[in-house]
Amino acid sequence: MPTETMPDWLRVFADHQPMTLVTNTVRSYTLNGTGGPDALPALIWSVGTLVVTFPLAVWLYRSRTSQ
């Protein structure tokens, strides 16, 4: 969906969310065989998300199973 038709606050979120970068990278790999300009930011977002959520998931798992 073109973001030009969205309200300003929603357009900012839609244009700068990490899933857009990942989707564009996968699309570029599929169609062109290269990651394109979004590949590095998509990788950084993916690794950053794992760095934050993996320890949180381990902590939650341990706190709920150690009873």
N, C-alpha and C. Protein backbone atom coordinates (compact mmCIF):
# COMPACT_ATOMS: atom_id res chain seq x y z
N MET A 1 0.85 -1.17 0.00
CA MET A 1 0.00 0.00 0.00
C MET A 1 0.89 1.23 0.00
N PRO A 2 0.63 2.19 -0.85
CA PRO A 2 1.43 3.42 -0.84
C PRO A 2 1.23 4.18 0.46
N THR A 3 2.32 4.59 1.05
CA THR A 3 2.22 5.28 2.34
C THR A 3 1.84 6.75 2.18
N GLU A 4 1.84 7.26 0.98
CA GLU A 4 1.48 8.66 0.77
C GLU A 4 0.03 8.94 1.14
N THR A 5 -0.81 7.92 1.14
CA THR A 5 -2.23 8.11 1.46
C THR A 5 -2.51 8.00 2.96
N MET A 6 -1.50 7.67 3.75
CA MET A 6 -1.69 7.48 5.19
C MET A 6 -1.55 8.80 5.94
N PRO A 7 -2.14 8.88 7.14
CA PRO A 7 -1.90 10.05 7.99
C PRO A 7 -0.39 10.15 8.33
N ASP A 8 0.05 11.34 8.65
CA ASP A 8 1.49 11.57 8.88
C ASP A 8 2.09 10.65 9.93
N TRP A 9 1.41 10.48 11.07
CA TRP A 9 1.97 9.66 12.14
C TRP A 9 2.09 8.20 11.72
N LEU A 10 1.14 7.71 10.94
CA LEU A 10 1.17 6.33 10.50
C LEU A 10 2.19 6.14 9.37
N ARG A 11 2.35 7.14 8.52
CA ARG A 11 3.31 7.07 7.43
C ARG A 11 4.74 6.94 7.97
N VAL A 12 5.06 7.69 9.01
CA VAL A 12 6.40 7.62 9.61
C VAL A 12 6.67 6.20 10.11
N PHE A 13 5.70 5.61 10.81
CA PHE A 13 5.86 4.25 11.31
C PHE A 13 5.98 3.25 10.17
N ALA A 14 5.12 3.36 9.17
CA ALA A 14 5.12 2.41 8.06
C ALA A 14 6.40 2.50 7.23
N ASP A 15 6.96 3.67 7.08
CA ASP A 15 8.17 3.85 6.28
C ASP A 15 9.44 3.40 7.00
N HIS A 16 9.39 3.34 8.33
CA HIS A 16 10.62 3.06 9.08
C HIS A 16 10.55 1.83 9.97
N GLN A 17 9.64 0.94 9.72
CA GLN A 17 9.58 -0.27 10.52
C GLN A 17 10.55 -1.32 9.96
N PRO A 18 11.09 -2.19 10.79
CA PRO A 18 12.09 -3.15 10.33
C PRO A 18 11.55 -4.19 9.36
N MET A 19 10.29 -4.54 9.44
CA MET A 19 9.76 -5.56 8.53
C MET A 19 9.76 -5.10 7.08
N THR A 20 9.66 -3.80 6.85
CA THR A 20 9.75 -3.28 5.49
C THR A 20 11.12 -3.57 4.91
N LEU A 21 12.16 -3.36 5.70
CA LEU A 21 13.52 -3.62 5.24
C LEU A 21 13.73 -5.10 4.95
N VAL A 22 13.24 -5.94 5.83
CA VAL A 22 13.40 -7.39 5.64
C VAL A 22 12.63 -7.85 4.41
N THR A 23 11.41 -7.37 4.26
CA THR A 23 10.60 -7.74 3.10
C THR A 23 11.25 -7.28 1.80
N ASN A 24 11.74 -6.06 1.78
CA ASN A 24 12.41 -5.55 0.57
C ASN A 24 13.67 -6.35 0.25
N THR A 25 14.40 -6.77 1.27
CA THR A 25 15.61 -7.55 1.05
C THR A 25 15.28 -8.92 0.48
N VAL A 26 14.29 -9.60 1.05
CA VAL A 26 13.88 -10.90 0.53
C VAL A 26 13.37 -10.78 -0.90
N ARG A 27 12.59 -9.75 -1.16
CA ARG A 27 12.08 -9.53 -2.51
C ARG A 27 13.24 -9.29 -3.49
N SER A 28 14.22 -8.51 -3.06
CA SER A 28 15.37 -8.23 -3.93
C SER A 28 16.19 -9.49 -4.19
N TYR A 29 16.42 -10.31 -3.17
CA TYR A 29 17.13 -11.58 -3.36
C TYR A 29 16.37 -12.49 -4.31
N THR A 30 15.05 -12.52 -4.18
CA THR A 30 14.24 -13.39 -5.02
C THR A 30 14.25 -12.93 -6.48
N LEU A 31 14.11 -11.65 -6.69
CA LEU A 31 14.00 -11.14 -8.06
C LEU A 31 15.34 -10.85 -8.73
N ASN A 32 16.31 -10.37 -7.97
CA ASN A 32 17.57 -9.92 -8.56
C ASN A 32 18.78 -10.76 -8.18
N GLY A 33 18.68 -11.56 -7.15
CA GLY A 33 19.81 -12.35 -6.70
C GLY A 33 20.76 -11.60 -5.79
N THR A 34 20.45 -10.34 -5.47
CA THR A 34 21.26 -9.56 -4.53
C THR A 34 20.33 -8.96 -3.48
N GLY A 35 20.93 -8.58 -2.37
CA GLY A 35 20.12 -8.05 -1.27
C GLY A 35 19.66 -6.62 -1.46
N GLY A 36 20.34 -5.89 -2.29
CA GLY A 36 19.97 -4.50 -2.50
C GLY A 36 20.40 -3.62 -1.34
N PRO A 37 19.98 -2.37 -1.37
CA PRO A 37 20.43 -1.41 -0.34
C PRO A 37 19.84 -1.66 1.05
N ASP A 38 18.79 -2.46 1.15
CA ASP A 38 18.16 -2.71 2.45
C ASP A 38 18.73 -3.92 3.18
N ALA A 39 19.67 -4.64 2.57
CA ALA A 39 20.17 -5.89 3.16
C ALA A 39 20.89 -5.64 4.49
N LEU A 40 21.79 -4.69 4.54
CA LEU A 40 22.55 -4.44 5.77
C LEU A 40 21.65 -3.92 6.90
N PRO A 41 20.80 -2.91 6.65
CA PRO A 41 19.91 -2.50 7.74
C PRO A 41 18.97 -3.62 8.20
N ALA A 42 18.51 -4.46 7.27
CA ALA A 42 17.64 -5.58 7.65
C ALA A 42 18.39 -6.56 8.54
N LEU A 43 19.65 -6.84 8.22
CA LEU A 43 20.47 -7.72 9.04
C LEU A 43 20.71 -7.12 10.42
N ILE A 44 20.99 -5.84 10.47
CA ILE A 44 21.23 -5.17 11.77
C ILE A 44 19.96 -5.22 12.62
N TRP A 45 18.80 -4.93 12.05
CA TRP A 45 17.54 -5.01 12.80
C TRP A 45 17.28 -6.42 13.30
N SER A 46 17.53 -7.42 12.44
CA SER A 46 17.28 -8.82 12.82
C SER A 46 18.18 -9.26 13.96
N VAL A 47 19.45 -8.95 13.86
CA VAL A 47 20.40 -9.31 14.93
C VAL A 47 20.06 -8.55 16.21
N GLY A 48 19.75 -7.27 16.07
CA GLY A 48 19.38 -6.47 17.25
C GLY A 48 18.16 -7.01 17.95
N THR A 49 17.18 -7.44 17.18
CA THR A 49 15.97 -8.01 17.76
C THR A 49 16.29 -9.30 18.51
N LEU A 50 17.15 -10.13 17.93
CA LEU A 50 17.55 -11.37 18.61
C LEU A 50 18.33 -11.09 19.89
N VAL A 51 19.20 -10.11 19.85
CA VAL A 51 20.01 -9.77 21.03
C VAL A 51 19.12 -9.34 22.19
N VAL A 52 18.03 -8.68 21.88
CA VAL A 52 17.13 -8.22 22.94
C VAL A 52 16.15 -9.32 23.37
N THR A 53 15.57 -10.03 22.42
CA THR A 53 14.49 -10.96 22.77
C THR A 53 14.96 -12.32 23.24
N PHE A 54 16.11 -12.79 22.78
CA PHE A 54 16.57 -14.11 23.21
C PHE A 54 16.85 -14.17 24.71
N PRO A 55 17.63 -13.23 25.26
CA PRO A 55 17.83 -13.29 26.73
C PRO A 55 16.52 -13.12 27.50
N LEU A 56 15.62 -12.31 26.99
CA LEU A 56 14.33 -12.14 27.65
C LEU A 56 13.54 -13.44 27.63
N ALA A 57 13.54 -14.14 26.52
CA ALA A 57 12.84 -15.42 26.43
C ALA A 57 13.45 -16.46 27.36
N VAL A 58 14.77 -16.52 27.44
CA VAL A 58 15.43 -17.47 28.34
C VAL A 58 15.09 -17.14 29.79
N TRP A 59 15.12 -15.88 30.14
CA TRP A 59 14.80 -15.46 31.50
C TRP A 59 13.36 -15.84 31.85
N LEU A 60 12.42 -15.55 30.93
CA LEU A 60 11.02 -15.91 31.18
C LEU A 60 10.83 -17.42 31.31
N TYR A 61 11.50 -18.19 30.47
CA TYR A 61 11.39 -19.63 30.53
C TYR A 61 11.91 -20.16 31.87
N ARG A 62 13.08 -19.68 32.25
CA ARG A 62 13.65 -20.15 33.52
C ARG A 62 12.82 -19.73 34.72
N SER A 63 12.27 -18.53 34.69
CA SER A 63 11.48 -18.07 35.84
C SER A 63 10.16 -18.83 35.96
N ARG A 64 9.64 -19.35 34.86
CA ARG A 64 8.36 -20.06 34.90
C ARG A 64 8.53 -21.56 35.09
N THR A 65 9.71 -22.11 34.82
CA THR A 65 9.89 -23.56 34.95
C THR A 65 10.69 -23.95 36.19
N SER A 66 11.21 -23.01 36.92
CA SER A 66 12.03 -23.35 38.08
C SER A 66 11.24 -23.46 39.36
N GLN A 67 9.97 -23.52 39.30
CA GLN A 67 9.13 -23.57 40.51
C GLN A 67 8.97 -24.96 41.02
